[in-house]
Amino acid sequence: MMKTQVLYKSRTGNTEKLAKAIFEAVPGKSKDIQSLDERKDYKMGDVYFIGFWTDRGTASTDILDCLGSLQGKKIALFGTCGMGGSPEYYKRIEENVRVFIEDDNQYLGAYFCQGKMPMAVREKYTAMRTQKNARQIDAMIQNFDRALLHPDAKDLEGARAFVTEIYETLEKDGGREL
């Protein structure tokens, strides 16, 4: 029986919400969900969903170390980032993190959505605003305000659909036995 492990690192609760939606969508009973803060032995599964919050276009060191330590596994990534609505940015994050997955693993794809940011970020943007950069900073503040609503129900549904799609593909490939 194939075991699924959902591991995540969440700073503000956004990624934890996604992790719970992903966990709920994983079929069968042979599954576990853990915050990476609580877990040091994370080599318990066959399929891994690894979640993280984004900082400067990548994941935290402990997520990257976790990815680098897995061998012979099926791995999918998921995460949240403050900058939303940019598939190109999500793709760059995926590429930046994916390089830490060893070649003997099977990469299953990634799901990203926007997540709300701490209020200190908005305060920082406001303090940075000058007459010269007003347009750029105003756009950043608008993005911050939009992010306050995320992850929303649509984002969580997208995460569940991502899981369903992965398991359908694994089933077609004969890589699943539940």
Protein backbone atom coordinates (compact mmCIF):
# COMPACT_ATOMS: atom_id res chain seq x y z
CA MET A 1 0.00 0.00 0.00
CA MET A 2 1.30 3.40 -1.00
CA LYS A 3 1.76 5.88 1.86
CA THR A 4 1.29 9.61 1.40
CA GLN A 5 3.04 12.22 3.52
CA VAL A 6 1.94 15.87 3.55
CA LEU A 7 4.74 17.99 5.01
CA TYR A 8 4.59 21.75 5.24
CA LYS A 9 6.12 24.84 6.75
CA SER A 10 3.72 27.70 7.48
CA ARG A 11 4.62 31.06 8.93
CA THR A 12 1.24 32.81 8.94
CA GLY A 13 -1.19 29.90 8.57
CA ASN A 14 -1.72 30.22 4.79
CA THR A 15 0.29 27.15 3.82
CA GLU A 16 -1.21 25.18 6.69
CA LYS A 17 -4.70 25.83 5.23
CA LEU A 18 -3.50 24.51 1.86
CA ALA A 19 -1.85 21.50 3.53
CA LYS A 20 -5.11 20.55 5.26
CA ALA A 21 -7.07 20.82 2.00
CA ILE A 22 -4.46 18.67 0.26
CA PHE A 23 -4.49 16.11 3.06
CA GLU A 24 -8.31 15.86 2.90
CA ALA A 25 -8.12 15.24 -0.86
CA VAL A 26 -5.55 12.42 -0.61
CA PRO A 27 -7.46 9.18 -1.18
CA GLY A 28 -7.31 6.25 1.23
CA LYS A 29 -6.27 6.00 4.84
CA SER A 30 -2.52 5.49 4.51
CA LYS A 31 -1.63 9.15 4.88
CA ASP A 32 -0.13 11.57 7.38
CA ILE A 33 0.17 15.34 7.71
CA GLN A 34 2.91 17.08 9.68
CA SER A 35 4.36 20.52 10.08
CA LEU A 36 8.07 20.34 9.35
CA ASP A 37 8.57 22.21 12.64
CA GLU A 38 7.29 19.12 14.47
CA ARG A 39 8.96 16.46 12.37
CA LYS A 40 12.53 15.48 11.82
CA ASP A 41 12.01 11.96 10.42
CA TYR A 42 10.13 12.59 7.21
CA LYS A 43 11.06 9.53 5.18
CA MET A 44 7.86 7.65 5.95
CA GLY A 45 5.98 7.94 2.66
CA ASP A 46 6.04 6.94 -0.98
CA VAL A 47 4.23 10.07 -2.20
CA TYR A 48 5.10 13.46 -0.74
CA PHE A 49 3.28 16.76 -0.91
CA ILE A 50 5.76 19.36 0.33
CA GLY A 51 4.34 22.80 1.16
CA PHE A 52 5.99 26.11 1.95
CA TRP A 53 5.57 29.86 2.10
CA THR A 54 7.63 31.82 -0.38
CA ASP A 55 10.42 34.17 0.62
CA ARG A 56 12.20 36.02 -2.18
CA GLY A 57 11.11 33.46 -4.76
CA THR A 58 12.12 30.28 -2.96
CA ALA A 59 11.44 28.09 0.09
CA SER A 60 13.10 28.08 3.51
CA THR A 61 16.32 26.14 4.05
CA ASP A 62 14.61 23.36 6.01
CA ILE A 63 12.19 22.72 3.11
CA LEU A 64 15.11 22.63 0.66
CA ASP A 65 17.04 20.28 2.99
CA CYS A 66 13.99 18.02 3.27
CA LEU A 67 13.61 17.88 -0.52
CA GLY A 68 17.31 17.13 -0.96
CA SER A 69 17.15 14.23 1.48
CA LEU A 70 14.33 12.34 -0.23
CA GLN A 71 15.27 9.53 -2.58
CA GLY A 72 13.15 7.28 -4.76
CA LYS A 73 9.92 9.12 -3.89
CA LYS A 74 7.06 10.74 -5.79
CA ILE A 75 7.09 14.46 -4.92
CA ALA A 76 4.64 17.31 -5.49
CA LEU A 77 5.15 20.88 -4.31
CA PHE A 78 2.58 23.37 -3.05
CA GLY A 79 2.81 26.79 -1.55
CA THR A 80 1.64 30.30 -0.96
CA CYS A 81 3.18 33.62 -1.82
CA GLY A 82 2.18 37.21 -1.25
CA MET A 83 2.46 38.15 -4.92
CA GLY A 84 -0.57 36.71 -6.64
CA GLY A 85 -2.12 36.39 -10.04
CA SER A 86 1.16 35.73 -11.83
CA PRO A 87 1.56 32.25 -13.32
CA GLU A 88 5.04 33.31 -14.47
CA TYR A 89 6.07 34.10 -10.90
CA TYR A 90 4.61 30.81 -9.65
CA LYS A 91 6.59 28.99 -12.37
CA ARG A 92 9.83 30.71 -11.26
CA ILE A 93 9.20 29.68 -7.64
CA GLU A 94 8.57 26.11 -8.78
CA GLU A 95 11.80 26.07 -10.81
CA ASN A 96 13.83 27.61 -7.96
CA VAL A 97 12.65 24.93 -5.51
CA ARG A 98 12.42 21.96 -7.86
CA VAL A 99 16.20 21.93 -8.45
CA PHE A 100 16.60 20.65 -4.86
CA ILE A 101 14.70 17.45 -5.69
CA GLU A 102 17.16 14.64 -6.42
CA ASP A 103 16.98 13.00 -9.87
CA ASP A 104 15.96 9.57 -8.53
CA ASN A 105 12.59 11.00 -7.43
CA GLN A 106 9.53 11.36 -9.64
CA TYR A 107 8.40 14.99 -9.77
CA LEU A 108 4.60 15.29 -9.89
CA GLY A 109 4.09 19.05 -10.30
CA ALA A 110 3.25 22.08 -8.19
CA TYR A 111 0.31 24.15 -7.00
CA PHE A 112 0.68 27.76 -5.81
CA CYS A 113 -1.75 30.43 -4.75
CA GLN A 114 -1.64 33.83 -3.16
CA GLY A 115 -1.53 34.12 0.61
CA LYS A 116 -2.09 37.04 2.94
CA MET A 117 1.00 38.76 4.28
CA PRO A 118 1.70 40.21 7.73
CA MET A 119 0.51 43.82 8.19
CA ALA A 120 4.14 44.86 8.73
CA VAL A 121 4.69 44.31 5.00
CA ARG A 122 2.03 46.88 4.11
CA GLU A 123 3.51 49.30 6.64
CA LYS A 124 6.94 48.79 5.04
CA TYR A 125 5.50 49.52 1.58
CA THR A 126 3.80 52.68 2.85
CA ALA A 127 7.03 53.87 4.48
CA MET A 128 8.96 53.25 1.23
CA ARG A 129 6.56 55.33 -0.89
CA THR A 130 8.03 58.44 -2.51
CA GLN A 131 6.85 60.67 -5.33
CA LYS A 132 9.22 58.84 -7.71
CA ASN A 133 8.09 55.29 -6.88
CA ALA A 134 4.44 56.02 -6.02
CA ARG A 135 2.99 54.04 -8.93
CA GLN A 136 5.05 50.94 -8.18
CA ILE A 137 4.45 51.11 -4.42
CA ASP A 138 0.71 51.72 -4.92
CA ALA A 139 0.57 48.57 -7.08
CA MET A 140 2.36 46.63 -4.31
CA ILE A 141 -0.12 47.94 -1.73
CA GLN A 142 -3.05 46.96 -4.00
CA ASN A 143 -1.58 43.45 -4.29
CA PHE A 144 -1.17 43.32 -0.49
CA ASP A 145 -4.83 44.26 -0.02
CA ARG A 146 -5.99 41.60 -2.53
CA ALA A 147 -3.83 39.02 -0.74
CA LEU A 148 -5.73 39.59 2.53
CA LEU A 149 -8.50 37.34 1.20
CA HIS A 150 -6.21 34.41 0.32
CA PRO A 151 -6.04 31.50 0.39
CA ASP A 152 -9.76 31.57 -0.30
CA ALA A 153 -12.29 28.81 -1.08
CA LYS A 154 -11.31 28.82 -4.76
CA ASP A 155 -7.61 28.42 -3.85
CA LEU A 156 -8.40 25.48 -1.55
CA GLU A 157 -10.57 23.86 -4.22
CA GLY A 158 -7.67 24.28 -6.66
CA ALA A 159 -5.37 22.49 -4.21
CA ARG A 160 -7.84 19.59 -3.88
CA ALA A 161 -8.18 19.37 -7.67
CA PHE A 162 -4.37 19.28 -7.95
CA VAL A 163 -4.28 16.24 -5.64
CA THR A 164 -7.08 14.48 -7.52
CA GLU A 165 -5.27 15.03 -10.82
CA ILE A 166 -2.03 13.60 -9.41
CA TYR A 167 -3.72 10.45 -8.09
CA GLU A 168 -5.60 9.95 -11.36
CA THR A 169 -2.27 10.15 -13.20
CA LEU A 170 -0.59 7.77 -10.75
CA GLU A 171 -3.48 5.33 -11.14
CA LYS A 172 -3.19 5.42 -14.95
CA ASP A 173 0.54 4.83 -14.63
CA GLY A 174 -0.05 1.89 -12.28
CA GLY A 175 1.78 3.68 -9.48
CA ARG A 176 -1.01 3.55 -6.95
CA GLU A 177 -2.40 0.86 -4.76
CA LEU A 178 -4.75 1.95 -2.02
